[in-house]
Protein backbone atom coordinates (compact mmCIF):
# COMPACT_ATOMS: atom_id res chain seq x y z
CA MET A 1 14.81 -3.22 -6.91
CA SER A 2 13.39 -0.79 -4.38
CA VAL A 3 15.26 0.39 -1.28
CA MET A 4 13.01 -1.82 0.85
CA GLU A 5 13.76 -4.86 -1.32
CA ARG A 6 17.51 -4.19 -1.20
CA LEU A 7 17.45 -3.90 2.59
CA PHE A 8 15.47 -7.10 2.92
CA TRP A 9 17.72 -9.09 0.55
CA GLU A 10 20.89 -7.87 2.23
CA GLY A 11 19.50 -8.90 5.61
CA VAL A 12 18.12 -12.26 4.55
CA ARG A 13 21.39 -13.20 2.82
CA GLN A 14 23.39 -12.32 5.93
CA SER A 15 20.96 -14.15 8.20
CA GLY A 16 21.57 -17.56 6.69
CA LEU A 17 17.87 -18.14 6.05
CA ILE A 18 16.90 -20.12 2.99
CA LEU A 19 16.53 -17.65 0.14
CA PRO A 20 13.02 -17.41 -1.28
CA ASP A 21 12.05 -17.23 -4.93
CA ARG A 22 11.11 -13.74 -6.12
CA GLN A 23 8.09 -12.48 -8.04
CA VAL A 24 6.40 -15.86 -8.27
CA PRO A 25 3.19 -16.25 -10.28
CA MET A 26 0.71 -18.30 -8.28
CA PRO A 27 -1.98 -20.65 -9.65
CA TRP A 28 -4.81 -18.28 -8.65
CA GLY A 29 -3.45 -15.41 -10.76
CA ALA A 30 -1.53 -13.38 -8.18
CA THR A 31 2.21 -12.75 -8.26
CA VAL A 32 3.82 -12.80 -4.84
CA ASP A 33 6.95 -10.89 -3.81
CA LEU A 34 8.63 -13.87 -2.12
CA LEU A 35 7.91 -17.57 -1.86
CA TRP A 36 9.44 -20.22 0.34
CA THR A 37 7.97 -23.20 -1.54
CA PRO A 38 8.80 -25.97 0.97
CA GLY A 39 6.97 -24.15 3.77
CA MET A 40 4.23 -22.77 1.53
CA LEU A 41 5.07 -19.38 3.02
CA ILE A 42 4.52 -16.20 1.03
CA GLY A 43 6.45 -13.05 1.91
CA GLU A 44 5.09 -9.65 0.95
CA LEU A 45 7.07 -6.43 1.23
CA ASP A 46 4.39 -3.81 1.81
CA SER A 47 5.88 -0.42 1.01
CA ARG A 48 3.97 2.73 1.85
CA SER A 49 3.60 3.72 -1.79
CA TRP A 50 1.70 0.54 -2.73
CA HIS A 51 -0.23 -0.23 0.46
CA GLU A 52 -1.60 3.03 1.85
CA ARG A 53 -5.07 3.28 0.34
CA ARG A 54 -8.06 1.37 1.62
CA CYS A 55 -8.52 -0.38 -1.74
CA ASP A 56 -4.89 -1.59 -1.54
CA ARG A 57 -5.47 -3.10 1.89
CA GLU A 58 -8.72 -4.71 0.67
CA ARG A 59 -6.84 -6.27 -2.26
CA ASP A 60 -4.14 -7.59 0.09
CA VAL A 61 -6.70 -9.18 2.42
CA ARG A 62 -8.41 -10.88 -0.50
CA ARG A 63 -5.06 -12.17 -1.82
CA ASP A 64 -4.16 -13.50 1.63
CA ALA A 65 -7.53 -15.27 1.90
CA GLU A 66 -7.06 -16.84 -1.53
CA ALA A 67 -3.58 -18.02 -0.55
CA LEU A 68 -4.78 -19.38 2.80
CA SER A 69 -7.60 -21.30 1.11
CA ARG A 70 -4.88 -23.13 -0.84
CA GLY A 71 -2.67 -23.85 2.19
CA TYR A 72 -0.27 -20.89 1.91
CA VAL A 73 0.41 -18.46 4.74
CA THR A 74 1.39 -14.84 4.08
CA PHE A 75 4.07 -13.07 6.12
CA ARG A 76 3.65 -9.34 5.46
CA MET A 77 6.49 -6.91 6.19
CA THR A 78 6.08 -3.15 6.41
CA TRP A 79 8.70 -0.51 5.69
CA ASP A 80 9.40 -0.08 9.43
CA MET A 81 9.77 -3.85 9.93
CA VAL A 82 12.47 -3.93 7.23
CA ALA A 83 14.15 -0.55 7.67
CA ALA A 84 14.09 -0.20 11.47
CA GLU A 85 13.53 -3.71 12.88
CA LEU A 86 15.11 -6.06 10.34
CA ASP A 87 16.82 -8.33 12.88
CA ARG A 88 13.54 -8.82 14.77
CA THR A 89 11.63 -9.33 11.52
CA LEU A 90 14.09 -11.95 10.29
CA HIS A 91 13.86 -13.70 13.67
CA LEU A 92 10.06 -13.85 13.32
CA LEU A 93 10.38 -15.00 9.72
CA ALA A 94 12.78 -17.78 10.75
CA ALA A 95 10.31 -18.90 13.42
CA ALA A 96 7.45 -18.91 10.90
CA LEU A 97 9.52 -20.98 8.47
CA ALA A 98 10.41 -23.44 11.24
CA GLN A 99 6.74 -23.78 12.18
CA ARG A 100 5.77 -24.41 8.58
CA ALA A 101 8.51 -27.03 8.20
CA GLY A 102 6.90 -29.04 10.98
């Protein structure tokens, strides 16, 4: 597990949020970092090492469009959102999950 993943998991466990499934293969061939199945919400931890190049961003946009076309919403988190603003990020994530729950 990367440093970013460890920080996120420590925070999400302490927050009381429902824990997502990890590294979930999706029907369209992608594997997502996190999945809250009941809300059809995908979480992606976008570290600098895997999401810096233009082709990486293009791939992410295409994956998000594929997910959206099937009713899933993607909540992307950057290094700064997890390392420096985790409380705020978890608050936003909780709000997104509440919205998706109806």
